[in-house]
N, C-alpha and C. Protein backbone atom coordinates (compact mmCIF):
# COMPACT_ATOMS: atom_id res chain seq x y z
N MET A 1 0.86 -1.17 0.00
CA MET A 1 0.00 0.00 0.00
C MET A 1 0.90 1.23 0.00
N LYS A 2 0.51 2.20 -0.81
CA LYS A 2 1.32 3.41 -0.96
C LYS A 2 0.65 4.59 -0.25
N HIS A 3 1.47 5.55 0.11
CA HIS A 3 0.92 6.82 0.60
C HIS A 3 0.59 7.67 -0.61
N PHE A 4 -0.52 8.35 -0.56
CA PHE A 4 -1.03 9.13 -1.69
C PHE A 4 -0.19 10.38 -1.94
N VAL A 5 0.07 10.62 -3.22
CA VAL A 5 0.66 11.88 -3.69
C VAL A 5 -0.13 12.27 -4.94
N LEU A 6 -0.72 13.45 -4.94
CA LEU A 6 -1.53 13.90 -6.07
C LEU A 6 -0.70 14.01 -7.32
N ASP A 7 -1.22 13.44 -8.40
CA ASP A 7 -0.58 13.46 -9.71
C ASP A 7 -1.54 14.18 -10.66
N SER A 8 -1.03 14.91 -11.63
CA SER A 8 -1.88 15.70 -12.53
C SER A 8 -2.89 14.84 -13.29
N HIS A 9 -2.58 13.57 -13.55
CA HIS A 9 -3.54 12.72 -14.27
C HIS A 9 -4.76 12.37 -13.40
N MET A 10 -4.72 12.72 -12.12
CA MET A 10 -5.84 12.47 -11.22
C MET A 10 -6.82 13.64 -11.15
N CYS A 11 -6.59 14.66 -11.97
CA CYS A 11 -7.45 15.84 -11.97
C CYS A 11 -8.14 15.98 -13.32
N ALA A 12 -9.34 16.54 -13.30
CA ALA A 12 -10.11 16.74 -14.52
C ALA A 12 -9.40 17.73 -15.44
N ALA A 13 -9.49 17.48 -16.73
CA ALA A 13 -8.87 18.37 -17.71
C ALA A 13 -9.53 19.75 -17.68
N PHE A 14 -10.84 19.77 -17.45
CA PHE A 14 -11.58 21.02 -17.39
C PHE A 14 -11.85 21.36 -15.93
N GLY A 15 -11.32 22.43 -15.45
CA GLY A 15 -11.56 22.87 -14.09
C GLY A 15 -10.53 22.40 -13.08
N GLY A 16 -9.86 21.29 -13.36
CA GLY A 16 -8.78 20.81 -12.50
C GLY A 16 -9.18 20.14 -11.21
N ALA A 17 -10.48 19.86 -11.02
CA ALA A 17 -10.91 19.20 -9.78
C ALA A 17 -10.40 17.76 -9.75
N PHE A 18 -10.21 17.24 -8.57
CA PHE A 18 -9.79 15.86 -8.37
C PHE A 18 -10.79 14.93 -9.06
N TYR A 19 -10.31 14.10 -9.99
CA TYR A 19 -11.17 13.17 -10.72
C TYR A 19 -10.30 12.01 -11.21
N PRO A 20 -10.01 11.03 -10.34
CA PRO A 20 -9.13 9.92 -10.71
C PRO A 20 -9.87 8.81 -11.46
N THR A 21 -10.09 9.02 -12.75
CA THR A 21 -10.82 8.05 -13.57
C THR A 21 -10.21 6.66 -13.41
N GLY A 22 -11.09 5.67 -13.26
CA GLY A 22 -10.64 4.29 -13.12
C GLY A 22 -10.25 3.91 -11.70
N HIS A 23 -10.59 4.77 -10.74
CA HIS A 23 -10.29 4.52 -9.34
C HIS A 23 -11.54 4.72 -8.49
N SER A 24 -11.50 4.20 -7.28
CA SER A 24 -12.56 4.43 -6.29
C SER A 24 -11.94 5.02 -5.04
N ILE A 25 -12.72 5.83 -4.36
CA ILE A 25 -12.31 6.38 -3.06
C ILE A 25 -13.32 5.91 -2.02
N VAL A 26 -12.79 5.45 -0.90
CA VAL A 26 -13.62 5.08 0.24
C VAL A 26 -13.09 5.86 1.43
N MET A 27 -13.99 6.47 2.19
CA MET A 27 -13.62 7.22 3.40
C MET A 27 -14.09 6.43 4.62
N PHE A 28 -13.21 6.37 5.63
CA PHE A 28 -13.47 5.60 6.85
C PHE A 28 -13.37 6.51 8.08
N PRO A 29 -14.29 6.37 9.04
CA PRO A 29 -14.19 7.15 10.26
C PRO A 29 -12.92 6.84 11.06
N LYS A 30 -12.44 5.59 10.98
CA LYS A 30 -11.26 5.18 11.74
C LYS A 30 -10.09 4.87 10.80
N ALA A 31 -8.95 5.48 11.07
CA ALA A 31 -7.74 5.25 10.27
C ALA A 31 -7.34 3.78 10.29
N GLU A 32 -7.53 3.12 11.43
CA GLU A 32 -7.16 1.71 11.54
C GLU A 32 -7.96 0.86 10.55
N ASP A 33 -9.24 1.17 10.38
CA ASP A 33 -10.07 0.42 9.44
C ASP A 33 -9.60 0.64 8.01
N ALA A 34 -9.25 1.87 7.66
CA ALA A 34 -8.74 2.16 6.32
C ALA A 34 -7.47 1.36 6.05
N SER A 35 -6.56 1.35 6.99
CA SER A 35 -5.31 0.61 6.84
C SER A 35 -5.57 -0.89 6.74
N ARG A 36 -6.42 -1.41 7.60
CA ARG A 36 -6.74 -2.84 7.59
C ARG A 36 -7.36 -3.24 6.25
N VAL A 37 -8.32 -2.46 5.78
CA VAL A 37 -8.96 -2.77 4.50
C VAL A 37 -7.93 -2.71 3.37
N GLY A 38 -7.06 -1.71 3.38
CA GLY A 38 -6.02 -1.63 2.35
C GLY A 38 -5.16 -2.87 2.31
N HIS A 39 -4.74 -3.35 3.46
CA HIS A 39 -3.91 -4.56 3.51
C HIS A 39 -4.71 -5.80 3.09
N GLN A 40 -5.97 -5.87 3.46
CA GLN A 40 -6.81 -7.00 3.06
C GLN A 40 -7.01 -7.01 1.54
N LEU A 41 -7.15 -5.84 0.94
CA LEU A 41 -7.29 -5.77 -0.52
C LEU A 41 -6.06 -6.35 -1.21
N ILE A 42 -4.89 -6.00 -0.71
CA ILE A 42 -3.64 -6.53 -1.28
C ILE A 42 -3.59 -8.04 -1.09
N ASP A 43 -4.00 -8.53 0.08
CA ASP A 43 -4.03 -9.97 0.33
C ASP A 43 -4.99 -10.68 -0.61
N ARG A 44 -6.00 -9.96 -1.10
CA ARG A 44 -7.00 -10.55 -2.00
C ARG A 44 -6.73 -10.26 -3.47
N GLY A 45 -5.53 -9.84 -3.80
CA GLY A 45 -5.15 -9.74 -5.20
C GLY A 45 -5.01 -8.36 -5.80
N PHE A 46 -5.37 -7.31 -5.07
CA PHE A 46 -5.11 -5.97 -5.58
C PHE A 46 -3.62 -5.70 -5.47
N SER A 47 -3.06 -5.00 -6.44
CA SER A 47 -1.64 -4.66 -6.39
C SER A 47 -1.39 -3.60 -5.32
N GLY A 48 -0.30 -3.76 -4.58
CA GLY A 48 0.07 -2.77 -3.58
C GLY A 48 0.34 -1.41 -4.19
N ASP A 49 0.66 -1.37 -5.49
CA ASP A 49 0.89 -0.11 -6.19
C ASP A 49 -0.40 0.57 -6.61
N GLU A 50 -1.54 -0.08 -6.37
CA GLU A 50 -2.83 0.45 -6.79
C GLU A 50 -3.76 0.75 -5.61
N VAL A 51 -3.21 0.70 -4.40
CA VAL A 51 -3.96 0.99 -3.19
C VAL A 51 -3.21 2.10 -2.45
N TYR A 52 -3.88 3.24 -2.26
CA TYR A 52 -3.25 4.41 -1.65
C TYR A 52 -3.98 4.80 -0.38
N LEU A 53 -3.24 5.00 0.69
CA LEU A 53 -3.80 5.50 1.94
C LEU A 53 -3.78 7.03 1.90
N ILE A 54 -4.91 7.65 2.26
CA ILE A 54 -5.01 9.11 2.25
C ILE A 54 -5.40 9.59 3.65
N PRO A 55 -4.41 9.92 4.48
CA PRO A 55 -4.72 10.46 5.81
C PRO A 55 -5.46 11.80 5.68
N PRO A 56 -6.19 12.19 6.73
CA PRO A 56 -6.96 13.44 6.65
C PRO A 56 -6.12 14.65 6.22
N GLN A 57 -4.93 14.80 6.77
CA GLN A 57 -4.10 15.97 6.42
C GLN A 57 -3.71 15.97 4.95
N THR A 58 -3.48 14.78 4.39
CA THR A 58 -3.15 14.68 2.96
C THR A 58 -4.36 15.06 2.11
N MET A 59 -5.53 14.61 2.52
CA MET A 59 -6.76 14.98 1.81
C MET A 59 -6.90 16.50 1.80
N LEU A 60 -6.69 17.12 2.96
CA LEU A 60 -6.87 18.56 3.08
C LEU A 60 -5.79 19.36 2.34
N SER A 61 -4.58 18.85 2.29
CA SER A 61 -3.49 19.61 1.67
C SER A 61 -3.34 19.36 0.17
N GLN A 62 -3.78 18.19 -0.33
CA GLN A 62 -3.56 17.88 -1.74
C GLN A 62 -4.83 17.81 -2.57
N ILE A 63 -5.89 17.21 -2.04
CA ILE A 63 -7.11 17.03 -2.84
C ILE A 63 -8.07 18.20 -2.68
N SER A 64 -8.29 18.65 -1.46
CA SER A 64 -9.23 19.76 -1.22
C SER A 64 -8.92 21.00 -2.05
N PRO A 65 -7.65 21.40 -2.21
CA PRO A 65 -7.36 22.61 -2.99
C PRO A 65 -7.68 22.51 -4.49
N THR A 66 -8.03 21.31 -4.98
CA THR A 66 -8.35 21.20 -6.41
C THR A 66 -9.70 21.81 -6.77
N VAL A 67 -10.48 22.17 -5.75
CA VAL A 67 -11.75 22.86 -5.99
C VAL A 67 -11.81 24.10 -5.12
N GLY A 68 -12.48 25.11 -5.61
CA GLY A 68 -12.66 26.32 -4.82
C GLY A 68 -13.94 26.24 -4.02
N ASP A 69 -14.16 27.23 -3.22
CA ASP A 69 -15.40 27.37 -2.47
C ASP A 69 -16.50 27.75 -3.46
N ASP A 70 -17.72 27.25 -3.26
CA ASP A 70 -18.84 27.60 -4.15
C ASP A 70 -18.99 29.11 -4.30
N ALA A 71 -18.71 29.86 -3.26
CA ALA A 71 -18.87 31.31 -3.31
C ALA A 71 -17.83 31.97 -4.21
N ASP A 72 -16.75 31.25 -4.52
CA ASP A 72 -15.69 31.81 -5.36
C ASP A 72 -16.01 31.80 -6.85
N SER A 73 -17.00 31.01 -7.25
CA SER A 73 -17.29 30.86 -8.66
C SER A 73 -18.72 31.28 -8.98
N PRO A 74 -18.88 32.20 -9.94
CA PRO A 74 -20.23 32.61 -10.32
C PRO A 74 -20.90 31.60 -11.26
N LEU A 75 -20.13 30.61 -11.76
CA LEU A 75 -20.66 29.65 -12.72
C LEU A 75 -21.10 28.37 -12.03
N PRO A 76 -22.17 27.74 -12.51
CA PRO A 76 -22.57 26.46 -11.93
C PRO A 76 -21.57 25.38 -12.31
N SER A 77 -21.47 24.37 -11.48
CA SER A 77 -20.58 23.25 -11.76
C SER A 77 -21.12 22.43 -12.91
N ALA A 78 -20.21 21.95 -13.77
CA ALA A 78 -20.61 21.11 -14.90
C ALA A 78 -20.90 19.69 -14.45
N GLY A 79 -20.49 19.33 -13.26
CA GLY A 79 -20.69 17.98 -12.75
C GLY A 79 -20.65 17.98 -11.24
N THR A 80 -20.51 16.78 -10.69
CA THR A 80 -20.52 16.65 -9.24
C THR A 80 -19.12 16.53 -8.65
N ASP A 81 -18.08 16.64 -9.47
CA ASP A 81 -16.73 16.43 -8.97
C ASP A 81 -16.36 17.42 -7.86
N GLY A 82 -16.73 18.68 -8.01
CA GLY A 82 -16.44 19.67 -6.98
C GLY A 82 -17.17 19.38 -5.69
N ALA A 83 -18.45 19.05 -5.79
CA ALA A 83 -19.25 18.74 -4.60
C ALA A 83 -18.71 17.49 -3.90
N THR A 84 -18.24 16.54 -4.68
CA THR A 84 -17.69 15.32 -4.09
C THR A 84 -16.41 15.61 -3.32
N VAL A 85 -15.54 16.44 -3.88
CA VAL A 85 -14.31 16.82 -3.17
C VAL A 85 -14.65 17.58 -1.90
N ARG A 86 -15.64 18.46 -1.96
CA ARG A 86 -16.03 19.20 -0.75
C ARG A 86 -16.56 18.24 0.33
N MET A 87 -17.24 17.17 -0.09
CA MET A 87 -17.70 16.16 0.87
C MET A 87 -16.49 15.47 1.52
N TYR A 88 -15.48 15.09 0.70
CA TYR A 88 -14.27 14.48 1.26
C TYR A 88 -13.59 15.44 2.23
N THR A 89 -13.58 16.72 1.89
CA THR A 89 -12.95 17.73 2.74
C THR A 89 -13.63 17.78 4.11
N LYS A 90 -14.96 17.79 4.10
CA LYS A 90 -15.70 17.82 5.37
C LYS A 90 -15.37 16.59 6.20
N LEU A 91 -15.35 15.42 5.56
CA LEU A 91 -15.04 14.19 6.29
C LEU A 91 -13.61 14.21 6.83
N ALA A 92 -12.67 14.68 6.01
CA ALA A 92 -11.27 14.75 6.47
C ALA A 92 -11.14 15.69 7.66
N ARG A 93 -11.86 16.79 7.64
CA ARG A 93 -11.82 17.72 8.79
C ARG A 93 -12.36 17.05 10.06
N ASP A 94 -13.24 16.07 9.87
CA ASP A 94 -13.78 15.31 11.00
C ASP A 94 -12.89 14.11 11.36
N GLY A 95 -11.73 13.99 10.69
CA GLY A 95 -10.78 12.93 11.02
C GLY A 95 -10.87 11.66 10.21
N HIS A 96 -11.69 11.64 9.16
CA HIS A 96 -11.83 10.43 8.35
C HIS A 96 -10.61 10.23 7.45
N THR A 97 -10.26 8.97 7.23
CA THR A 97 -9.12 8.58 6.40
C THR A 97 -9.64 7.93 5.12
N GLY A 98 -8.97 8.19 4.00
CA GLY A 98 -9.41 7.64 2.73
C GLY A 98 -8.50 6.56 2.19
N LEU A 99 -9.08 5.76 1.30
CA LEU A 99 -8.33 4.82 0.47
C LEU A 99 -8.68 5.12 -0.98
N LEU A 100 -7.68 5.23 -1.82
CA LEU A 100 -7.87 5.34 -3.26
C LEU A 100 -7.42 4.02 -3.84
N VAL A 101 -8.29 3.36 -4.61
CA VAL A 101 -8.00 2.03 -5.13
C VAL A 101 -8.31 1.99 -6.62
N LYS A 102 -7.40 1.43 -7.40
CA LYS A 102 -7.64 1.30 -8.83
C LYS A 102 -8.74 0.27 -9.05
N THR A 103 -9.82 0.71 -9.71
CA THR A 103 -10.97 -0.15 -10.00
C THR A 103 -11.43 0.16 -11.42
N GLU A 104 -10.72 -0.37 -12.39
CA GLU A 104 -11.01 -0.02 -13.78
C GLU A 104 -12.31 -0.61 -14.31
N ASN A 105 -12.86 -1.61 -13.62
CA ASN A 105 -14.10 -2.21 -14.09
C ASN A 105 -15.02 -2.52 -12.91
N ARG A 106 -16.23 -2.88 -13.24
CA ARG A 106 -17.26 -3.14 -12.22
C ARG A 106 -16.86 -4.30 -11.31
N ALA A 107 -16.24 -5.33 -11.88
CA ALA A 107 -15.83 -6.49 -11.08
C ALA A 107 -14.83 -6.09 -10.01
N ALA A 108 -13.87 -5.24 -10.35
CA ALA A 108 -12.88 -4.77 -9.36
C ALA A 108 -13.57 -3.95 -8.27
N ALA A 109 -14.53 -3.12 -8.66
CA ALA A 109 -15.26 -2.32 -7.67
C ALA A 109 -16.05 -3.22 -6.72
N GLU A 110 -16.63 -4.28 -7.25
CA GLU A 110 -17.38 -5.22 -6.40
C GLU A 110 -16.44 -5.95 -5.45
N ARG A 111 -15.26 -6.36 -5.92
CA ARG A 111 -14.27 -7.01 -5.04
C ARG A 111 -13.83 -6.05 -3.94
N LEU A 112 -13.65 -4.78 -4.29
CA LEU A 112 -13.31 -3.75 -3.30
C LEU A 112 -14.37 -3.69 -2.22
N MET A 113 -15.62 -3.58 -2.64
CA MET A 113 -16.70 -3.37 -1.68
C MET A 113 -16.96 -4.59 -0.81
N GLU A 114 -16.64 -5.79 -1.29
CA GLU A 114 -16.77 -6.98 -0.44
C GLU A 114 -15.92 -6.83 0.82
N VAL A 115 -14.74 -6.25 0.68
CA VAL A 115 -13.85 -6.05 1.82
C VAL A 115 -14.28 -4.82 2.62
N VAL A 116 -14.60 -3.74 1.94
CA VAL A 116 -14.98 -2.49 2.61
C VAL A 116 -16.17 -2.69 3.54
N ARG A 117 -17.14 -3.46 3.09
CA ARG A 117 -18.37 -3.63 3.88
C ARG A 117 -18.15 -4.37 5.20
N SER A 118 -16.95 -4.86 5.44
CA SER A 118 -16.66 -5.57 6.70
C SER A 118 -16.42 -4.60 7.86
N VAL A 119 -16.30 -3.31 7.56
CA VAL A 119 -16.07 -2.29 8.60
C VAL A 119 -16.96 -1.08 8.31
N PRO A 120 -17.17 -0.21 9.30
CA PRO A 120 -17.93 1.02 9.04
C PRO A 120 -17.16 1.94 8.08
N TYR A 121 -17.87 2.48 7.10
CA TYR A 121 -17.27 3.44 6.18
C TYR A 121 -18.26 4.58 5.96
N SER A 122 -17.74 5.72 5.54
CA SER A 122 -18.55 6.93 5.40
C SER A 122 -19.15 7.06 4.02
N VAL A 123 -18.33 6.83 3.01
CA VAL A 123 -18.75 7.00 1.62
C VAL A 123 -17.82 6.18 0.74
N ALA A 124 -18.36 5.70 -0.38
CA ALA A 124 -17.56 4.98 -1.36
C ALA A 124 -18.01 5.44 -2.74
N GLU A 125 -17.08 5.93 -3.54
CA GLU A 125 -17.38 6.48 -4.87
C GLU A 125 -16.41 5.89 -5.90
N ARG A 126 -16.95 5.55 -7.07
CA ARG A 126 -16.12 5.06 -8.18
C ARG A 126 -16.14 6.11 -9.28
N TYR A 127 -14.94 6.48 -9.74
CA TYR A 127 -14.79 7.48 -10.79
C TYR A 127 -14.73 6.80 -12.15
N CYS A 128 -15.84 6.86 -12.87
CA CYS A 128 -15.90 6.35 -14.24
C CYS A 128 -15.57 7.49 -15.19
N ARG A 129 -15.50 7.21 -16.47
CA ARG A 129 -15.10 8.22 -17.44
C ARG A 129 -15.98 9.46 -17.39
N LEU A 130 -17.29 9.30 -17.29
CA LEU A 130 -18.19 10.45 -17.35
C LEU A 130 -19.07 10.64 -16.11
N VAL A 131 -18.92 9.77 -15.13
CA VAL A 131 -19.82 9.85 -13.97
C VAL A 131 -19.10 9.35 -12.72
N ILE A 132 -19.49 9.90 -11.58
CA ILE A 132 -19.03 9.40 -10.29
C ILE A 132 -20.16 8.53 -9.75
N GLU A 133 -19.85 7.27 -9.52
CA GLU A 133 -20.86 6.27 -9.14
C GLU A 133 -20.77 5.96 -7.65
N ASP A 134 -21.90 5.97 -6.97
CA ASP A 134 -21.95 5.54 -5.56
C ASP A 134 -21.79 4.03 -5.52
N LEU A 135 -20.96 3.57 -4.61
CA LEU A 135 -20.76 2.11 -4.45
C LEU A 135 -21.50 1.61 -3.22
């Protein structure tokens, strides 16, 4: 499992908001649960290079700045990517820890959720090419 570092390919081409196509993010109230799930995913066949731990401070310092405050923009959002990042920001401020996992297809997302559902989690989202899907 790797520690998360924001890469430009994880942001939308238009607007620059965090949008890691082909990945899922799960937020957990307890850091221990996020870490445990990450290790269990690797034990179940996910590559350690495709599972990223995102501590609250990392979420706030790297992902949150990819969107502005709603009051900063007079234009409506073209999608939900900004609102989704703001939701992650609120959770991170409350101490929630994230996992970013490569899930290029539905089967991978289902394998992810089989493990995630074993512990309490706050939210799980899969970033598809044109839509953010609730898991």
